[in-house]
Amino acid sequence: MDDADQAVVITAVPGGVRLRLRVKPSARADRLVGGHGGALKMEVRAAPEHGKANNAVAAVMADGLQVRRKDVAITAGLGSRNKSVIIRGLSVGDVVSRLEALGIPAKAGS
């Protein structure tokens, strides 16, 4: 993949932004890894059972983007490694700059 494929695509939605995730549950650490085909690749220690991994995903997203946990909503992919999340209260520019501060390339989507 080239650098353009590594950038996380951030899309504006009413009240916030949407982005896709690629999640690895049962990992060694909770962390945002980088971009992968337009999605944000992340790892969580929690196992994918009884919603534990989804709760960890929301917590890691909130911590990484410096928002409250209640401002992160998983909107698709609750039973999948591929998820869609909405972050309320931030603009596309906010998320792009916060991800880039973490060393993760990001760009505005359509």
N, C-alpha and C. Protein backbone atom coordinates (compact mmCIF):
# COMPACT_ATOMS: atom_id res chain seq x y z
N MET A 1 0.83 -1.19 0.00
CA MET A 1 0.00 0.00 0.00
C MET A 1 0.87 1.24 0.00
N ASP A 2 0.41 2.26 -0.70
CA ASP A 2 1.16 3.51 -0.68
C ASP A 2 0.67 4.37 0.48
N ASP A 3 1.30 5.53 0.66
CA ASP A 3 0.96 6.40 1.79
C ASP A 3 -0.49 6.83 1.78
N ALA A 4 -1.09 7.03 0.61
CA ALA A 4 -2.49 7.44 0.53
C ALA A 4 -3.40 6.36 1.11
N ASP A 5 -3.05 5.08 0.94
CA ASP A 5 -3.85 3.99 1.48
C ASP A 5 -3.71 3.89 2.99
N GLN A 6 -2.65 4.44 3.54
CA GLN A 6 -2.41 4.37 4.97
C GLN A 6 -3.13 5.47 5.75
N ALA A 7 -3.62 6.48 5.07
CA ALA A 7 -4.29 7.59 5.76
C ALA A 7 -5.70 7.17 6.19
N VAL A 8 -6.04 7.52 7.42
CA VAL A 8 -7.37 7.26 7.95
C VAL A 8 -8.32 8.30 7.36
N VAL A 9 -9.43 7.85 6.80
CA VAL A 9 -10.40 8.75 6.18
C VAL A 9 -11.44 9.15 7.21
N ILE A 10 -11.58 10.46 7.42
CA ILE A 10 -12.52 11.02 8.39
C ILE A 10 -13.63 11.72 7.62
N THR A 11 -14.89 11.39 7.92
CA THR A 11 -16.03 11.94 7.21
C THR A 11 -16.91 12.74 8.18
N ALA A 12 -17.31 13.93 7.76
CA ALA A 12 -18.21 14.74 8.59
C ALA A 12 -19.62 14.16 8.56
N VAL A 13 -20.26 14.13 9.72
CA VAL A 13 -21.67 13.75 9.87
C VAL A 13 -22.30 14.79 10.78
N PRO A 14 -23.63 14.88 10.81
CA PRO A 14 -24.27 15.85 11.71
C PRO A 14 -23.83 15.65 13.16
N GLY A 15 -23.25 16.67 13.75
CA GLY A 15 -22.83 16.64 15.14
C GLY A 15 -21.46 16.06 15.42
N GLY A 16 -20.74 15.63 14.38
CA GLY A 16 -19.42 15.04 14.63
C GLY A 16 -18.79 14.48 13.37
N VAL A 17 -18.08 13.37 13.55
CA VAL A 17 -17.37 12.73 12.44
C VAL A 17 -17.55 11.21 12.51
N ARG A 18 -17.33 10.58 11.36
CA ARG A 18 -17.39 9.12 11.30
C ARG A 18 -16.06 8.62 10.74
N LEU A 19 -15.61 7.47 11.27
CA LEU A 19 -14.45 6.81 10.72
C LEU A 19 -14.61 5.31 10.87
N ARG A 20 -13.91 4.59 10.02
CA ARG A 20 -13.93 3.14 10.06
C ARG A 20 -12.76 2.64 10.89
N LEU A 21 -12.95 1.50 11.54
CA LEU A 21 -11.91 0.89 12.36
C LEU A 21 -11.66 -0.53 11.89
N ARG A 22 -10.45 -0.98 12.08
CA ARG A 22 -10.07 -2.39 11.94
C ARG A 22 -9.47 -2.76 13.29
N VAL A 23 -10.15 -3.65 14.03
CA VAL A 23 -9.80 -3.92 15.42
C VAL A 23 -9.22 -5.32 15.58
N LYS A 24 -8.15 -5.40 16.36
CA LYS A 24 -7.58 -6.69 16.75
C LYS A 24 -7.85 -6.87 18.24
N PRO A 25 -8.80 -7.75 18.61
CA PRO A 25 -9.06 -8.00 20.03
C PRO A 25 -8.01 -8.97 20.61
N SER A 26 -8.01 -9.11 21.92
CA SER A 26 -7.10 -10.01 22.63
C SER A 26 -5.64 -9.72 22.31
N ALA A 27 -5.30 -8.45 22.14
CA ALA A 27 -3.94 -8.03 21.84
C ALA A 27 -3.15 -7.84 23.14
N ARG A 28 -1.89 -7.55 23.00
CA ARG A 28 -1.03 -7.34 24.17
C ARG A 28 -1.23 -5.98 24.83
N ALA A 29 -1.76 -5.02 24.06
CA ALA A 29 -1.92 -3.67 24.60
C ALA A 29 -3.11 -2.99 23.94
N ASP A 30 -3.63 -1.98 24.61
CA ASP A 30 -4.66 -1.12 24.03
C ASP A 30 -3.93 0.02 23.32
N ARG A 31 -4.10 0.10 21.99
CA ARG A 31 -3.40 1.17 21.28
C ARG A 31 -3.97 1.40 19.89
N LEU A 32 -3.79 2.62 19.43
CA LEU A 32 -4.09 2.99 18.06
C LEU A 32 -2.83 2.70 17.26
N VAL A 33 -2.94 1.89 16.20
CA VAL A 33 -1.77 1.42 15.48
C VAL A 33 -1.44 2.32 14.30
N GLY A 34 -2.43 2.64 13.46
CA GLY A 34 -2.18 3.44 12.27
C GLY A 34 -3.28 3.23 11.26
N GLY A 35 -3.04 3.70 10.05
CA GLY A 35 -4.02 3.57 9.00
C GLY A 35 -3.89 2.27 8.25
N HIS A 36 -5.02 1.79 7.72
CA HIS A 36 -5.03 0.57 6.93
C HIS A 36 -6.21 0.62 5.97
N GLY A 37 -5.93 0.95 4.71
CA GLY A 37 -6.98 0.99 3.71
C GLY A 37 -8.09 2.00 4.02
N GLY A 38 -7.73 3.12 4.61
CA GLY A 38 -8.70 4.16 4.95
C GLY A 38 -9.29 4.02 6.34
N ALA A 39 -9.06 2.89 6.99
CA ALA A 39 -9.57 2.67 8.34
C ALA A 39 -8.46 2.92 9.37
N LEU A 40 -8.86 3.11 10.61
CA LEU A 40 -7.92 3.24 11.71
C LEU A 40 -7.73 1.86 12.32
N LYS A 41 -6.52 1.36 12.27
CA LYS A 41 -6.21 0.06 12.84
C LYS A 41 -5.90 0.24 14.32
N MET A 42 -6.52 -0.60 15.14
CA MET A 42 -6.29 -0.50 16.58
C MET A 42 -6.29 -1.88 17.22
N GLU A 43 -5.70 -1.96 18.40
CA GLU A 43 -5.64 -3.20 19.16
C GLU A 43 -6.20 -2.95 20.55
N VAL A 44 -6.93 -3.95 21.06
CA VAL A 44 -7.44 -3.88 22.44
C VAL A 44 -7.13 -5.19 23.14
N ARG A 45 -6.85 -5.11 24.43
CA ARG A 45 -6.55 -6.30 25.22
C ARG A 45 -7.78 -7.15 25.47
N ALA A 46 -8.93 -6.55 25.51
CA ALA A 46 -10.16 -7.26 25.84
C ALA A 46 -10.49 -8.34 24.80
N ALA A 47 -11.08 -9.41 25.29
CA ALA A 47 -11.53 -10.49 24.41
C ALA A 47 -12.85 -10.11 23.75
N PRO A 48 -13.11 -10.66 22.57
CA PRO A 48 -14.36 -10.35 21.88
C PRO A 48 -15.54 -11.16 22.41
N GLU A 49 -15.88 -10.95 23.67
CA GLU A 49 -16.99 -11.68 24.27
C GLU A 49 -17.79 -10.75 25.17
N HIS A 50 -19.10 -10.87 25.09
CA HIS A 50 -20.01 -10.11 25.93
C HIS A 50 -19.80 -8.59 25.83
N GLY A 51 -19.37 -8.10 24.68
CA GLY A 51 -19.19 -6.67 24.47
C GLY A 51 -17.94 -6.07 25.08
N LYS A 52 -17.08 -6.90 25.65
CA LYS A 52 -15.87 -6.39 26.30
C LYS A 52 -14.96 -5.66 25.32
N ALA A 53 -14.73 -6.25 24.15
CA ALA A 53 -13.85 -5.62 23.17
C ALA A 53 -14.46 -4.31 22.66
N ASN A 54 -15.77 -4.28 22.44
CA ASN A 54 -16.42 -3.05 21.97
C ASN A 54 -16.29 -1.94 23.01
N ASN A 55 -16.46 -2.27 24.28
CA ASN A 55 -16.27 -1.26 25.34
C ASN A 55 -14.84 -0.75 25.35
N ALA A 56 -13.89 -1.66 25.16
CA ALA A 56 -12.48 -1.25 25.13
C ALA A 56 -12.20 -0.38 23.91
N VAL A 57 -12.79 -0.71 22.76
CA VAL A 57 -12.61 0.10 21.55
C VAL A 57 -13.05 1.54 21.81
N ALA A 58 -14.24 1.69 22.39
CA ALA A 58 -14.75 3.04 22.66
C ALA A 58 -13.85 3.78 23.64
N ALA A 59 -13.36 3.09 24.66
CA ALA A 59 -12.49 3.73 25.65
C ALA A 59 -11.16 4.15 25.03
N VAL A 60 -10.57 3.30 24.21
CA VAL A 60 -9.29 3.63 23.56
C VAL A 60 -9.48 4.81 22.60
N MET A 61 -10.59 4.80 21.85
CA MET A 61 -10.87 5.92 20.94
C MET A 61 -11.03 7.22 21.72
N ALA A 62 -11.78 7.18 22.81
CA ALA A 62 -12.00 8.38 23.61
C ALA A 62 -10.68 8.90 24.17
N ASP A 63 -9.86 8.01 24.67
CA ASP A 63 -8.57 8.42 25.22
C ASP A 63 -7.65 8.98 24.13
N GLY A 64 -7.57 8.29 23.01
CA GLY A 64 -6.68 8.72 21.93
C GLY A 64 -7.08 10.05 21.31
N LEU A 65 -8.40 10.29 21.22
CA LEU A 65 -8.88 11.53 20.61
C LEU A 65 -9.23 12.61 21.63
N GLN A 66 -9.00 12.31 22.89
CA GLN A 66 -9.21 13.27 23.98
C GLN A 66 -10.65 13.78 24.03
N VAL A 67 -11.58 12.81 24.03
CA VAL A 67 -13.00 13.13 24.18
C VAL A 67 -13.56 12.27 25.31
N ARG A 68 -14.76 12.58 25.72
CA ARG A 68 -15.42 11.76 26.75
C ARG A 68 -15.87 10.44 26.13
N ARG A 69 -15.88 9.41 26.93
CA ARG A 69 -16.30 8.08 26.47
C ARG A 69 -17.70 8.13 25.86
N LYS A 70 -18.58 8.92 26.45
CA LYS A 70 -19.97 8.98 25.95
C LYS A 70 -20.08 9.66 24.58
N ASP A 71 -19.02 10.30 24.12
CA ASP A 71 -19.03 10.93 22.80
C ASP A 71 -18.56 10.00 21.69
N VAL A 72 -18.26 8.75 22.03
CA VAL A 72 -17.84 7.74 21.05
C VAL A 72 -18.95 6.70 20.94
N ALA A 73 -19.45 6.48 19.73
CA ALA A 73 -20.51 5.50 19.51
C ALA A 73 -20.13 4.56 18.36
N ILE A 74 -20.14 3.27 18.64
CA ILE A 74 -19.94 2.29 17.57
C ILE A 74 -21.27 2.14 16.87
N THR A 75 -21.29 2.45 15.58
CA THR A 75 -22.56 2.45 14.84
C THR A 75 -22.73 1.25 13.92
N ALA A 76 -21.67 0.52 13.66
CA ALA A 76 -21.75 -0.68 12.83
C ALA A 76 -20.60 -1.60 13.17
N GLY A 77 -20.84 -2.91 13.03
CA GLY A 77 -19.78 -3.89 13.23
C GLY A 77 -19.60 -4.35 14.66
N LEU A 78 -20.66 -4.36 15.46
CA LEU A 78 -20.51 -4.76 16.86
C LEU A 78 -19.95 -6.17 17.01
N GLY A 79 -20.23 -7.06 16.04
CA GLY A 79 -19.73 -8.42 16.11
C GLY A 79 -18.61 -8.69 15.12
N SER A 80 -17.96 -7.65 14.66
CA SER A 80 -16.96 -7.77 13.60
C SER A 80 -15.68 -7.03 13.98
N ARG A 81 -14.59 -7.38 13.32
CA ARG A 81 -13.35 -6.61 13.48
C ARG A 81 -13.43 -5.29 12.74
N ASN A 82 -14.27 -5.22 11.72
CA ASN A 82 -14.49 -3.99 10.96
C ASN A 82 -15.66 -3.24 11.56
N LYS A 83 -15.40 -2.03 12.04
CA LYS A 83 -16.41 -1.25 12.73
C LYS A 83 -16.49 0.15 12.14
N SER A 84 -17.58 0.82 12.44
CA SER A 84 -17.74 2.23 12.12
C SER A 84 -18.08 2.93 13.42
N VAL A 85 -17.42 4.06 13.67
CA VAL A 85 -17.69 4.83 14.88
C VAL A 85 -18.01 6.27 14.53
N ILE A 86 -18.80 6.87 15.39
CA ILE A 86 -19.06 8.30 15.30
C ILE A 86 -18.49 8.94 16.55
N ILE A 87 -17.75 10.01 16.35
CA ILE A 87 -17.20 10.81 17.44
C ILE A 87 -17.97 12.12 17.45
N ARG A 88 -18.73 12.34 18.49
CA ARG A 88 -19.54 13.56 18.58
C ARG A 88 -18.73 14.73 19.13
N GLY A 89 -19.03 15.91 18.59
CA GLY A 89 -18.44 17.13 19.12
C GLY A 89 -17.11 17.54 18.51
N LEU A 90 -16.59 16.78 17.57
CA LEU A 90 -15.34 17.14 16.91
C LEU A 90 -15.57 17.36 15.43
N SER A 91 -14.73 18.19 14.84
CA SER A 91 -14.77 18.41 13.39
C SER A 91 -13.77 17.46 12.73
N VAL A 92 -13.86 17.36 11.41
CA VAL A 92 -12.89 16.56 10.67
C VAL A 92 -11.48 17.07 10.94
N GLY A 93 -11.29 18.37 10.92
CA GLY A 93 -9.98 18.95 11.18
C GLY A 93 -9.45 18.61 12.57
N ASP A 94 -10.35 18.60 13.56
CA ASP A 94 -9.95 18.23 14.92
C ASP A 94 -9.37 16.82 14.95
N VAL A 95 -10.10 15.88 14.34
CA VAL A 95 -9.69 14.48 14.37
C VAL A 95 -8.41 14.27 13.55
N VAL A 96 -8.34 14.90 12.40
CA VAL A 96 -7.12 14.79 11.58
C VAL A 96 -5.92 15.27 12.38
N SER A 97 -6.02 16.43 13.01
CA SER A 97 -4.87 16.96 13.75
C SER A 97 -4.54 16.10 14.97
N ARG A 98 -5.55 15.56 15.66
CA ARG A 98 -5.27 14.72 16.84
C ARG A 98 -4.63 13.39 16.44
N LEU A 99 -5.08 12.80 15.34
CA LEU A 99 -4.46 11.57 14.88
C LEU A 99 -3.04 11.83 14.39
N GLU A 100 -2.85 12.91 13.65
CA GLU A 100 -1.51 13.22 13.15
C GLU A 100 -0.55 13.51 14.30
N ALA A 101 -1.05 14.08 15.39
CA ALA A 101 -0.20 14.31 16.57
C ALA A 101 0.26 12.98 17.18
N LEU A 102 -0.51 11.92 16.93
CA LEU A 102 -0.14 10.59 17.39
C LEU A 102 0.71 9.84 16.36
N GLY A 103 1.03 10.52 15.25
CA GLY A 103 1.82 9.89 14.21
C GLY A 103 1.02 9.06 13.23
N ILE A 104 -0.31 9.27 13.20
CA ILE A 104 -1.19 8.50 12.33
C ILE A 104 -1.69 9.42 11.22
N PRO A 105 -1.36 9.16 9.96
CA PRO A 105 -1.83 10.02 8.87
C PRO A 105 -3.33 9.92 8.73
N ALA A 106 -3.97 11.06 8.49
CA ALA A 106 -5.42 11.11 8.33
C ALA A 106 -5.78 12.17 7.31
N LYS A 107 -6.96 12.03 6.72
CA LYS A 107 -7.43 12.99 5.73
C LYS A 107 -8.93 13.07 5.74
N ALA A 108 -9.45 14.18 5.23
CA ALA A 108 -10.89 14.37 5.12
C ALA A 108 -11.44 13.50 4.00
N GLY A 109 -12.58 12.90 4.24
CA GLY A 109 -13.25 12.11 3.22
C GLY A 109 -14.48 12.82 2.74
N SER A 110 -15.16 12.20 1.81
CA SER A 110 -16.38 12.83 1.28
C SER A 110 -17.61 12.10 1.73
